[in-house]
Protein backbone atom coordinates (compact mmCIF):
# COMPACT_ATOMS: atom_id res chain seq x y z
CA UNK A 1 -65.87 -34.33 18.35
CA UNK A 2 -63.69 -36.04 15.82
CA UNK A 3 -64.28 -33.21 13.21
CA UNK A 4 -63.23 -30.75 15.88
CA UNK A 5 -59.93 -32.59 16.46
CA UNK A 6 -59.22 -32.76 12.70
CA UNK A 7 -60.03 -29.04 12.27
CA UNK A 8 -57.77 -28.11 15.20
CA UNK A 9 -54.89 -30.15 13.86
CA UNK A 10 -55.25 -28.49 10.41
CA UNK A 11 -55.26 -24.98 12.06
CA UNK A 12 -52.10 -25.86 13.89
CA UNK A 13 -50.52 -27.02 10.67
CA UNK A 14 -51.36 -23.91 8.86
CA UNK A 15 -50.06 -21.73 11.69
CA UNK A 16 -46.86 -23.61 11.72
CA UNK A 17 -46.44 -23.24 8.07
CA UNK A 18 -47.09 -19.62 8.17
CA UNK A 19 -44.57 -19.16 10.99
CA UNK A 20 -41.81 -20.97 9.07
CA UNK A 21 -42.57 -19.01 5.82
CA UNK A 22 -42.34 -15.84 7.89
CA UNK A 23 -39.06 -16.65 9.34
CA UNK A 24 -37.65 -17.39 5.81
CA UNK A 25 -38.87 -14.04 4.59
CA UNK A 26 -37.20 -12.10 7.27
CA UNK A 27 -34.13 -14.12 7.85
CA UNK A 28 -31.02 -11.80 7.84
CA UNK A 29 -29.19 -14.42 5.59
CA UNK A 30 -31.53 -13.81 2.70
CA UNK A 31 -30.91 -11.09 0.01
CA UNK A 32 -34.50 -9.83 0.25
CA UNK A 33 -34.55 -9.18 4.07
CA UNK A 34 -34.37 -5.61 5.29
CA UNK A 35 -31.68 -6.65 7.91
CA UNK A 36 -29.69 -8.62 5.46
CA UNK A 37 -25.88 -8.47 6.03
CA UNK A 38 -24.04 -8.14 2.70
CA UNK A 39 -21.65 -10.98 2.08
CA UNK A 40 -18.09 -10.09 1.25
CA UNK A 41 -16.49 -12.07 -1.57
CA UNK A 42 -13.12 -13.54 -0.68
CA UNK A 43 -10.10 -11.93 -2.41
CA UNK A 44 -8.56 -13.95 -5.17
CA UNK A 45 -4.77 -14.64 -4.85
CA UNK A 46 -2.44 -16.29 -7.25
CA UNK A 47 1.35 -16.48 -7.60
CA UNK A 48 2.50 -13.64 -9.79
CA UNK A 49 2.96 -14.58 -13.35
CA UNK A 50 5.02 -13.15 -16.15
CA UNK A 51 2.17 -11.16 -17.50
CA UNK A 52 1.75 -9.63 -13.98
CA UNK A 53 5.41 -8.48 -14.16
CA UNK A 54 5.07 -7.20 -17.60
CA UNK A 55 1.93 -5.08 -16.65
CA UNK A 56 3.62 -3.49 -13.69
CA UNK A 57 6.84 -2.68 -15.58
CA UNK A 58 4.78 -1.07 -18.43
CA UNK A 59 2.96 1.05 -15.77
CA UNK A 60 6.15 2.05 -13.97
CA UNK A 61 7.77 3.01 -17.27
CA UNK A 62 5.02 5.63 -17.80
CA UNK A 63 4.46 6.56 -14.20
CA UNK A 64 6.59 9.76 -14.22
CA UNK A 65 5.18 10.89 -17.46
CA UNK A 66 1.68 10.86 -16.38
CA UNK A 67 2.05 11.46 -12.61
CA UNK A 68 0.74 14.69 -11.16
CA UNK A 69 1.46 14.02 -7.59
CA UNK A 70 3.11 11.48 -5.21
CA UNK A 71 2.53 11.69 -1.44
CA UNK A 72 4.97 9.93 0.71
CA UNK A 73 5.28 9.14 4.40
CA UNK A 74 8.46 7.58 5.85
CA UNK A 75 8.70 6.23 9.50
CA UNK A 76 12.04 5.53 10.79
CA UNK A 77 12.17 3.65 14.20
CA UNK A 78 15.79 3.33 15.56
CA UNK A 79 16.01 1.92 19.02
CA UNK A 80 19.08 4.14 19.70
CA UNK A 81 16.85 7.27 19.11
CA UNK A 82 14.16 6.11 21.41
CA UNK A 83 11.36 7.47 19.16
CA UNK A 84 10.08 7.13 15.67
CA UNK A 85 11.17 9.87 13.18
CA UNK A 86 8.84 10.72 10.32
CA UNK A 87 9.33 12.44 6.84
CA UNK A 88 6.48 13.58 4.73
CA UNK A 89 7.28 14.35 1.02
CA UNK A 90 5.50 15.44 -2.11
CA UNK A 91 6.56 15.06 -5.72
CA UNK A 92 4.59 17.18 -8.09
CA UNK A 93 4.90 17.77 -11.87
CA UNK A 94 4.66 20.97 -13.85
CA UNK A 95 5.15 20.04 -17.49
CA UNK A 96 8.43 18.21 -17.76
CA UNK A 97 9.74 19.41 -14.49
CA UNK A 98 9.19 17.80 -11.19
CA UNK A 99 9.39 19.50 -7.74
CA UNK A 100 10.43 17.42 -4.59
CA UNK A 101 9.46 18.87 -1.22
CA UNK A 102 10.07 17.28 2.13
CA UNK A 103 9.48 17.95 5.84
CA UNK A 104 11.68 15.80 8.11
CA UNK A 105 11.98 15.18 11.83
CA UNK A 106 15.34 16.11 13.27
CA UNK A 107 16.81 15.40 16.77
CA UNK A 108 17.38 18.54 18.72
CA UNK A 109 20.47 19.19 21.08
CA UNK A 110 20.29 17.74 24.57
CA UNK A 111 19.50 21.16 26.15
CA UNK A 112 16.73 21.96 23.82
CA UNK A 113 13.04 22.29 24.90
CA UNK A 114 11.75 19.82 22.51
CA UNK A 115 13.25 16.41 21.56
CA UNK A 116 12.37 16.69 17.85
CA UNK A 117 11.83 19.49 15.39
CA UNK A 118 10.26 19.34 11.95
CA UNK A 119 12.64 20.79 9.33
CA UNK A 120 11.14 21.79 5.92
CA UNK A 121 13.82 21.43 3.28
CA UNK A 122 14.20 23.57 0.28
CA UNK A 123 12.45 22.12 -2.71
CA UNK A 124 14.49 20.48 -5.58
CA UNK A 125 13.16 21.12 -8.99
CA UNK A 126 14.17 19.52 -12.32
CA UNK A 127 13.93 16.30 -14.26
CA UNK A 128 13.94 13.02 -12.37
CA UNK A 129 17.42 12.51 -13.01
CA UNK A 130 18.35 15.95 -11.63
CA UNK A 131 16.34 15.38 -8.45
CA UNK A 132 18.08 12.02 -7.91
CA UNK A 133 21.45 13.93 -8.18
CA UNK A 134 20.57 16.74 -5.84
CA UNK A 135 18.52 15.35 -3.14
CA UNK A 136 21.50 13.30 -1.92
CA UNK A 137 23.02 16.38 -0.35
CA UNK A 138 19.80 17.41 1.47
CA UNK A 139 18.67 14.30 3.26
CA UNK A 140 20.27 12.36 6.17
CA UNK A 141 18.42 9.43 7.74
CA UNK A 142 15.78 9.20 5.10
CA UNK A 143 18.28 9.47 2.07
CA UNK A 144 17.88 5.83 1.20
CA UNK A 145 14.00 6.04 1.34
CA UNK A 146 14.12 9.06 -0.95
CA UNK A 147 16.16 7.17 -3.47
CA UNK A 148 13.59 4.20 -3.36
CA UNK A 149 10.71 6.58 -3.94
CA UNK A 150 12.32 8.06 -6.99
CA UNK A 151 13.49 4.70 -8.44
CA UNK A 152 11.72 2.64 -11.08
CA UNK A 153 11.53 -0.99 -9.89
CA UNK A 154 12.12 -3.77 -12.32
CA UNK A 155 9.63 -6.55 -11.66
CA UNK A 156 10.90 -10.10 -12.43
CA UNK A 157 10.80 -13.48 -10.99
CA UNK A 158 14.61 -13.43 -11.06
CA UNK A 159 14.88 -10.41 -8.60
CA UNK A 160 12.02 -10.94 -6.19
CA UNK A 161 10.70 -13.92 -4.16
CA UNK A 162 7.28 -15.24 -3.19
CA UNK A 163 5.47 -12.88 -5.45
CA UNK A 164 1.63 -13.11 -5.10
CA UNK A 165 -1.10 -10.96 -6.76
CA UNK A 166 -4.42 -10.46 -4.89
CA UNK A 167 -7.46 -9.18 -6.72
CA UNK A 168 -9.58 -7.09 -4.38
CA UNK A 169 -12.21 -4.56 -5.18
CA UNK A 170 -11.13 -4.38 -8.81
CA UNK A 171 -7.49 -3.62 -7.80
CA UNK A 172 -4.48 -5.76 -8.00
CA UNK A 173 -2.04 -5.95 -5.02
CA UNK A 174 1.30 -7.60 -5.61
CA UNK A 175 3.41 -8.58 -2.58
CA UNK A 176 6.89 -9.94 -2.51
CA UNK A 177 10.18 -10.00 -0.82
CA UNK A 178 13.50 -8.61 -2.37
CA UNK A 179 16.54 -10.64 -1.35
CA UNK A 180 19.29 -8.50 -0.07
CA UNK A 181 21.63 -9.40 -3.02
CA UNK A 182 19.04 -8.33 -5.49
CA UNK A 183 18.11 -4.86 -4.12
CA UNK A 184 20.30 -2.97 -6.66
CA UNK A 185 18.86 -4.80 -9.60
CA UNK A 186 15.28 -4.41 -8.53
CA UNK A 187 15.41 -0.67 -7.68
CA UNK A 188 18.10 0.24 -10.27
CA UNK A 189 20.16 2.22 -7.71
CA UNK A 190 23.03 1.29 -5.47
CA UNK A 191 21.81 0.41 -1.87
CA UNK A 192 23.94 -0.21 1.24
CA UNK A 193 22.87 -1.14 4.67
CA UNK A 194 19.40 -2.20 3.73
CA UNK A 195 18.00 -5.64 4.32
CA UNK A 196 14.76 -7.49 4.78
CA UNK A 197 12.93 -5.68 1.96
CA UNK A 198 9.03 -6.37 1.63
CA UNK A 199 7.12 -4.71 -1.05
CA UNK A 200 3.35 -4.23 -1.77
CA UNK A 201 2.13 -2.48 -4.96
CA UNK A 202 -1.51 -1.70 -5.62
CA UNK A 203 -2.44 -1.14 -9.14
CA UNK A 204 -5.15 -1.24 -11.86
CA UNK A 205 -5.00 -2.02 -15.43
CA UNK A 206 -4.08 1.53 -16.16
CA UNK A 207 -2.06 3.08 -13.25
CA UNK A 208 -0.07 2.26 -10.03
CA UNK A 209 -2.02 3.50 -7.15
CA UNK A 210 0.32 3.00 -4.17
CA UNK A 211 3.67 1.52 -3.10
CA UNK A 212 4.50 0.14 0.31
CA UNK A 213 7.92 -0.73 1.57
CA UNK A 214 9.28 -2.22 4.85
CA UNK A 215 12.88 -2.76 5.46
CA UNK A 216 15.73 -2.55 7.95
CA UNK A 217 18.36 -0.01 7.74
CA UNK A 218 21.14 -0.69 10.26
CA UNK A 219 19.27 -1.29 13.50
CA UNK A 220 16.24 0.82 12.37
CA UNK A 221 12.94 -0.40 11.10
CA UNK A 222 11.71 1.71 8.19
CA UNK A 223 8.27 1.99 6.63
CA UNK A 224 7.60 3.76 3.41
CA UNK A 225 4.11 4.48 2.00
CA UNK A 226 3.54 6.23 -1.22
CA UNK A 227 0.28 7.22 -2.90
CA UNK A 228 0.19 8.34 -6.65
CA UNK A 229 -2.24 10.76 -8.23
CA UNK A 230 -2.57 11.25 -12.03
């Protein structure tokens, strides 16, 4: 009888061990389990350093020489308008010339059937400097946004505040604020009526991938998104 009790205890111990091992084999937290959930690595963030600024400045210096296309969306939300206006633009290159095309929301007259109409503007072709000179006569509410898109920012700890760089999926993302008194220095163009500028630049070691801007123009909130193709 004693042998039977010992044998039963051994069988229970073996069964318990097998159960525990089976759970560990099929636990979703293990790498080998078929139901394992991939663990995401946390993004690495550090305050922007001088080498980060130097890298971005070098990439922007070559941007318009290697660019094939820049696709831009501008959203303009003015409480006085009562709806968000949108502009969609493309900047393409053909040799040394660039062509800028834009379609912009316009407010219709009060007696019109529709509140907004999308107006496609005549393209402007030329060098970057010629486009900068000519676009000013074509655009109204999005004129400032267009100037920002065509600018070449100068990244420096002297002109931006709280700059941080996040490394995520092999890409660098620099975020920062541009003080109102430093806007002209940063973008290299005169700006009026703009405040609260926040920037986000996504880039690799070889190219700027995207630019995001949020700011206030008068009473309107403006968001600018640019995606670059090479």
